[in-house]
C-alpha atoms as a PDB file:
ATOM      1  CA  MET A   1     131.763 230.698-102.333  1.00  0.00           C
ATOM      2  CA  GLN A   2     135.412 230.950-100.845  1.00  0.00           C
ATOM      3  CA  MET A   3     136.837 227.769 -99.464  1.00  0.00           C
ATOM      4  CA  ASP A   4     137.412 228.995 -96.030  1.00  0.00           C
ATOM      5  CA  LEU A   5     133.723 229.851 -95.997  1.00  0.00           C
ATOM      6  CA  GLN A   6     132.520 226.452 -97.273  1.00  0.00           C
ATOM      7  CA  ASP A   7     132.015 223.209 -95.296  1.00  0.00           C
ATOM      8  CA  PRO A   8     134.144 220.650 -97.536  1.00  0.00           C
ATOM      9  CA  LEU A   9     131.861 217.792 -96.905  1.00  0.00           C
ATOM     10  CA  THR A  10     128.558 219.326 -97.882  1.00  0.00           C
ATOM     11  CA  GLU A  11     129.465 222.256 -99.961  1.00  0.00           C
ATOM     12  CA  LEU A  12     127.291 224.356 -98.022  1.00  0.00           C
ATOM     13  CA  TYR A  13     128.245 227.549 -96.104  1.00  0.00           C
ATOM     14  CA  ASN A  14     130.328 226.575 -92.902  1.00  0.00           C
ATOM     15  CA  ARG A  15     129.569 228.644 -89.545  1.00  0.00           C
ATOM     16  CA  ARG A  16     132.013 231.181 -90.719  1.00  0.00           C
ATOM     17  CA  GLY A  17     130.717 231.684 -94.060  1.00  0.00           C
ATOM     18  CA  TYR A  18     127.141 231.833 -92.687  1.00  0.00           C
ATOM     19  CA  ASP A  19     128.074 234.275 -90.183  1.00  0.00           C
ATOM     20  CA  ARG A  20     129.589 236.493 -92.763  1.00  0.00           C
ATOM     21  CA  ARG A  21     126.228 236.093 -94.986  1.00  0.00           C
ATOM     22  CA  LEU A  22     124.158 237.036 -91.713  1.00  0.00           C
ATOM     23  CA  VAL A  23     126.271 240.390 -91.828  1.00  0.00           C
ATOM     24  CA  GLU A  24     125.529 240.906 -95.384  1.00  0.00           C
ATOM     25  CA  LEU A  25     121.870 240.271 -94.773  1.00  0.00           C
ATOM     26  CA  HIS A  26     121.740 242.627 -91.773  1.00  0.00           C
ATOM     27  CA  GLN A  27     123.348 245.268 -93.888  1.00  0.00           C
ATOM     28  CA  MET A  28     121.166 244.577 -96.863  1.00  0.00           C
ATOM     29  CA  PHE A  29     117.887 245.108 -94.432  1.00  0.00           C
ATOM     30  CA  LYS A  30     119.718 247.879 -92.610  1.00  0.00           C
ATOM     31  CA  GLY A  31     119.206 246.149 -89.382  1.00  0.00           C
ATOM     32  CA  ASP A  32     115.573 245.509 -89.835  1.00  0.00           C
ATOM     33  CA  VAL A  33     115.484 241.642 -90.136  1.00  0.00           C
ATOM     34  CA  SER A  34     111.640 241.321 -89.646  1.00  0.00           C
ATOM     35  CA  SER A  35     111.300 240.104 -93.127  1.00  0.00           C
ATOM     36  CA  ILE A  36     113.473 236.835 -92.547  1.00  0.00           C
ATOM     37  CA  ALA A  37     112.907 233.643 -90.580  1.00  0.00           C
ATOM     38  CA  MET A  38     115.478 231.329 -89.191  1.00  0.00           C
ATOM     39  CA  VAL A  39     115.131 227.357 -89.267  1.00  0.00           C
ATOM     40  CA  SER A  40     117.214 225.309 -87.062  1.00  0.00           C
ATOM     41  CA  ILE A  41     117.908 221.700 -88.191  1.00  0.00           C
ATOM     42  CA  ASP A  42     119.644 218.861 -86.114  1.00  0.00           C
ATOM     43  CA  MET A  43     120.096 215.455 -87.611  1.00  0.00           C
ATOM     44  CA  ASP A  44     118.369 212.667 -85.294  1.00  0.00           C
ATOM     45  CA  GLY A  45     120.568 209.682 -84.588  1.00  0.00           C
ATOM     46  CA  LEU A  46     123.821 210.426 -86.645  1.00  0.00           C
ATOM     47  CA  LYS A  47     125.884 209.002 -83.741  1.00  0.00           C
ATOM     48  CA  ILE A  48     124.313 205.806 -83.975  1.00  0.00           C
ATOM     49  CA  ILE A  49     124.731 205.849 -87.744  1.00  0.00           C
ATOM     50  CA  ASN A  50     128.444 206.438 -87.269  1.00  0.00           C
ATOM     51  CA  ASP A  51     128.723 203.925 -84.507  1.00  0.00           C
ATOM     52  CA  THR A  52     126.920 201.198 -86.402  1.00  0.00           C
ATOM     53  CA  TYR A  53     127.990 201.706 -90.007  1.00  0.00           C
ATOM     54  CA  GLY A  54     131.094 203.684 -89.769  1.00  0.00           C
ATOM     55  CA  HIS A  55     132.015 207.621 -90.391  1.00  0.00           C
ATOM     56  CA  LEU A  56     132.047 207.140 -94.172  1.00  0.00           C
ATOM     57  CA  GLU A  57     128.180 206.141 -93.866  1.00  0.00           C
ATOM     58  CA  GLY A  58     127.816 209.094 -91.542  1.00  0.00           C
ATOM     59  CA  ASP A  59     129.307 211.357 -93.953  1.00  0.00           C
ATOM     60  CA  ILE A  60     126.782 210.037 -96.835  1.00  0.00           C
ATOM     61  CA  ALA A  61     123.889 210.711 -94.287  1.00  0.00           C
ATOM     62  CA  LEU A  62     125.305 214.303 -93.777  1.00  0.00           C
ATOM     63  CA  LYS A  63     125.629 215.043 -97.370  1.00  0.00           C
ATOM     64  CA  ALA A  64     122.138 213.805 -98.111  1.00  0.00           C
ATOM     65  CA  MET A  65     120.733 215.978 -95.552  1.00  0.00           C
ATOM     66  CA  ALA A  66     122.768 218.746 -96.941  1.00  0.00           C
ATOM     67  CA  GLU A  67     121.267 218.199-100.303  1.00  0.00           C
ATOM     68  CA  ILE A  68     117.604 217.947 -99.043  1.00  0.00           C
ATOM     69  CA  LEU A  69     117.926 221.252 -97.264  1.00  0.00           C
ATOM     70  CA  ASP A  70     119.751 222.886-100.139  1.00  0.00           C
ATOM     71  CA  LYS A  71     117.018 221.783-102.367  1.00  0.00           C
ATOM     72  CA  SER A  72     114.024 222.466-100.243  1.00  0.00           C
ATOM     73  CA  LYS A  73     114.988 226.146 -99.311  1.00  0.00           C
ATOM     74  CA  GLY A  74     114.898 226.821-103.153  1.00  0.00           C
ATOM     75  CA  LYS A  75     115.579 230.483-104.065  1.00  0.00           C
ATOM     76  CA  LYS A  76     114.274 231.787-100.702  1.00  0.00           C
ATOM     77  CA  GLY A  77     117.360 231.555 -98.523  1.00  0.00           C
ATOM     78  CA  ASP A  78     120.722 230.201 -97.369  1.00  0.00           C
ATOM     79  CA  VAL A  79     121.515 227.095 -95.662  1.00  0.00           C
ATOM     80  CA  ALA A  80     124.924 226.208 -93.814  1.00  0.00           C
ATOM     81  CA  ARG A  81     126.389 223.363 -91.821  1.00  0.00           C
ATOM     82  CA  THR A  82     127.121 224.888 -88.427  1.00  0.00           C
ATOM     83  CA  GLY A  83     128.214 221.918 -86.518  1.00  0.00           C
ATOM     84  CA  GLY A  84     128.667 218.207 -86.537  1.00  0.00           C
ATOM     85  CA  ASP A  85     125.097 217.358 -87.426  1.00  0.00           C
ATOM     86  CA  GLU A  86     123.580 220.959 -87.228  1.00  0.00           C
ATOM     87  CA  TYR A  87     122.269 223.090 -90.174  1.00  0.00           C
ATOM     88  CA  ILE A  88     120.532 226.293 -90.138  1.00  0.00           C
ATOM     89  CA  MET A  89     118.484 228.008 -92.866  1.00  0.00           C
ATOM     90  CA  CYS A  90     117.687 231.853 -93.080  1.00  0.00           C
ATOM     91  CA  LEU A  91     114.752 232.144 -95.352  1.00  0.00           C
ATOM     92  CA  GLY A  92     113.899 235.473 -97.060  1.00  0.00           C
ATOM     93  CA  THR A  93     110.389 235.465 -95.854  1.00  0.00           C
ATOM     94  CA  ASN A  94     108.554 235.531 -92.684  1.00  0.00           C
ATOM     95  CA  ASP A  95     105.253 234.359 -94.078  1.00  0.00           C
ATOM     96  CA  LYS A  96     104.432 231.424 -91.738  1.00  0.00           C
ATOM     97  CA  GLU A  97     102.593 229.310 -94.374  1.00  0.00           C
ATOM     98  CA  GLU A  98     105.521 229.555 -96.638  1.00  0.00           C
ATOM     99  CA  ILE A  99     107.934 228.622 -93.894  1.00  0.00           C
ATOM    100  CA  GLU A 100     105.692 225.649 -92.975  1.00  0.00           C
ATOM    101  CA  LYS A 101     105.639 224.765 -96.757  1.00  0.00           C
ATOM    102  CA  ILE A 102     109.466 224.581 -96.980  1.00  0.00           C
ATOM    103  CA  ILE A 103     109.799 222.696 -93.719  1.00  0.00           C
ATOM    104  CA  SER A 104     107.043 220.231 -94.964  1.00  0.00           C
ATOM    105  CA  GLU A 105     109.318 219.881 -98.393  1.00  0.00           C
ATOM    106  CA  VAL A 106     112.306 219.031 -96.002  1.00  0.00           C
ATOM    107  CA  ARG A 107     110.318 216.412 -94.286  1.00  0.00           C
ATOM    108  CA  THR A 108     108.952 215.047 -97.528  1.00  0.00           C
ATOM    109  CA  GLN A 109     112.311 214.857 -99.114  1.00  0.00           C
ATOM    110  CA  ILE A 110     113.862 213.012 -96.119  1.00  0.00           C
ATOM    111  CA  ALA A 111     110.945 210.348 -96.205  1.00  0.00           C
ATOM    112  CA  ALA A 112     111.495 210.071-100.269  1.00  0.00           C
ATOM    113  CA  TYR A 113     115.393 209.426 -99.454  1.00  0.00           C
ATOM    114  CA  ASN A 114     114.504 206.910 -96.898  1.00  0.00           C
ATOM    115  CA  GLU A 115     112.295 205.064 -99.099  1.00  0.00           C
ATOM    116  CA  GLY A 116     114.759 205.095-102.096  1.00  0.00           C
ATOM    117  CA  SER A 117     118.281 204.827-100.475  1.00  0.00           C
ATOM    118  CA  GLN A 118     118.206 201.155 -99.938  1.00  0.00           C
ATOM    119  CA  LYS A 119     120.305 202.079 -96.715  1.00  0.00           C
ATOM    120  CA  PRO A 120     120.026 200.076 -93.661  1.00  0.00           C
ATOM    121  CA  TYR A 121     119.263 203.204 -91.497  1.00  0.00           C
ATOM    122  CA  GLN A 122     116.917 206.130 -92.036  1.00  0.00           C
ATOM    123  CA  ILE A 123     117.898 209.586 -91.620  1.00  0.00           C
ATOM    124  CA  SER A 124     115.710 212.120 -89.663  1.00  0.00           C
ATOM    125  CA  ALA A 125     115.721 215.727 -88.340  1.00  0.00           C
ATOM    126  CA  SER A 126     114.500 217.615 -85.570  1.00  0.00           C
ATOM    127  CA  ILE A 127     113.454 221.219 -86.879  1.00  0.00           C
ATOM    128  CA  GLY A 128     112.707 224.397 -85.102  1.00  0.00           C
ATOM    129  CA  ASN A 129     111.971 227.955 -86.763  1.00  0.00           C
ATOM    130  CA  ALA A 130     111.340 231.492 -85.715  1.00  0.00           C
ATOM    131  CA  CYS A 131     110.243 234.597 -87.564  1.00  0.00           C
ATOM    132  CA  CYS A 132     112.456 237.587 -86.886  1.00  0.00           C
ATOM    133  CA  ARG A 133     110.835 240.689 -85.726  1.00  0.00           C
ATOM    134  CA  LYS A 134     111.300 244.345 -85.797  1.00  0.00           C
ATOM    135  CA  GLY A 135     114.099 245.159 -83.240  1.00  0.00           C
ATOM    136  CA  MET A 136     115.101 241.498 -82.801  1.00  0.00           C
ATOM    137  CA  SER A 137     118.531 240.515 -83.662  1.00  0.00           C
ATOM    138  CA  VAL A 138     119.285 237.512 -85.877  1.00  0.00           C
ATOM    139  CA  ILE A 139     121.210 235.865 -82.916  1.00  0.00           C
ATOM    140  CA  ASP A 140     117.860 236.351 -80.876  1.00  0.00           C
ATOM    141  CA  CYS A 141     115.928 234.876 -83.551  1.00  0.00           C
ATOM    142  CA  MET A 142     118.669 231.765 -84.086  1.00  0.00           C
ATOM    143  CA  GLN A 143     118.147 231.084 -80.386  1.00  0.00           C
ATOM    144  CA  ILE A 144     114.485 230.990 -80.593  1.00  0.00           C
ATOM    145  CA  SER A 145     114.630 228.612 -83.658  1.00  0.00           C
ATOM    146  CA  ASP A 146     117.141 226.537 -81.793  1.00  0.00           C
ATOM    147  CA  GLU A 147     114.935 226.421 -78.593  1.00  0.00           C
ATOM    148  CA  ARG A 148     112.135 224.958 -80.600  1.00  0.00           C
ATOM    149  CA  MET A 149     114.187 222.646 -82.435  1.00  0.00           C
ATOM    150  CA  TYR A 150     115.622 221.271 -79.299  1.00  0.00           C
ATOM    151  CA  ARG A 151     112.117 220.969 -77.840  1.00  0.00           C
ATOM    152  CA  GLU A 152     111.226 218.899 -80.853  1.00  0.00           C
ATOM    153  CA  LYS A 153     114.374 216.712 -80.444  1.00  0.00           C
ATOM    154  CA  ARG A 154     113.302 216.052 -76.658  1.00  0.00           C
ATOM    155  CA  LYS A 155     109.757 215.107 -77.533  1.00  0.00           C
ATOM    156  CA  LYS A 156     110.863 212.590 -80.031  1.00  0.00           C
ATOM    157  CA  LYS A 157     113.350 211.171 -77.582  1.00  0.00           C
ATOM    158  CA  GLN A 158     110.511 210.857 -74.880  1.00  0.00           C
ATOM    159  CA  ASN A 159     108.224 209.376 -77.393  1.00  0.00           C
ATOM    160  CA  SER A 160     110.922 206.731 -78.372  1.00  0.00           C
ATOM    161  CA  LYS A 161     111.256 205.855 -74.648  1.00  0.00           C
ATOM    162  CA  LEU A 162     107.559 205.418 -74.298  1.00  0.00           C
ATOM    163  CA  ARG A 163     107.357 203.141 -77.356  1.00  0.00           C
ATOM    164  CA  LEU A 164     110.155 201.151 -75.993  1.00  0.00           C
ATOM    165  CA  LEU A 165     108.527 200.749 -72.648  1.00  0.00           C
ATOM    166  CA  LYS A 166     105.261 199.691 -74.418  1.00  0.00           C
ATOM    167  CA  LEU A 167     107.157 197.228 -76.481  1.00  0.00           C
ATOM    168  CA  ARG A 168     108.925 195.813 -73.377  1.00  0.00           C
ATOM    169  CA  LYS A 169     105.648 195.558 -71.683  1.00  0.00           C
ATOM    170  CA  ASN A 170     104.200 193.820 -74.422  1.00  0.00           C
ATOM    171  CA  LEU A 171     106.999 191.262 -74.940  1.00  0.00           C
ATOM    172  CA  GLN A 172     107.027 190.538 -71.209  1.00  0.00           C
ATOM    173  CA  LYS A 173     103.393 189.935 -71.367  1.00  0.00           C
ATOM    174  CA  SER A 174     103.912 187.716 -74.479  1.00  0.00           C
ATOM    175  CA  MET A 175     106.500 185.751 -72.605  1.00  0.00           C
ATOM    176  CA  GLY A 176     104.424 185.308 -69.591  1.00  0.00           C
ATOM    177  CA  GLN A 177     101.564 183.778 -71.757  1.00  0.00           C
ATOM    178  CA  MET A 178     104.048 181.320 -73.245  1.00  0.00           C
ATOM    179  CA  ARG A 179     105.041 179.916 -69.968  1.00  0.00           C
END
């Protein structure tokens, strides 16, 4: 892989490299991308890791996520770091069961990393996917995948807020009983 197409931290494709790879895929499939799927991945809480433990630790978390994604995709696709804590996978399948199996492997590998890393934080990610359909552009497919990933991210944030409110309520109740 050419250096200008590679993210120096993770050694995955960067945005430029990934865009070039998508053009190659488009040409290879003669414009019919209906046999591929896009998976959007956004790390949860990287800012907290950076702010609490420093950017060096944030870089370790980014590299760990990159390794997990690269390993999980197997020989079925490509993965790139497209932004600070954002990644995209292009999978050479549109079989929903196979896609879910790959996503499940990502989640399993994240859990295994968290269990074995001995880090004071845990990594996690919000994930969305979309199967490209006949007549659809890769960009349209990526947008659907991104929308689904952001929907999961919003749901996680909402659930976190609800857990905090419940915790606060229980704490207030406990404090009232102590008086």
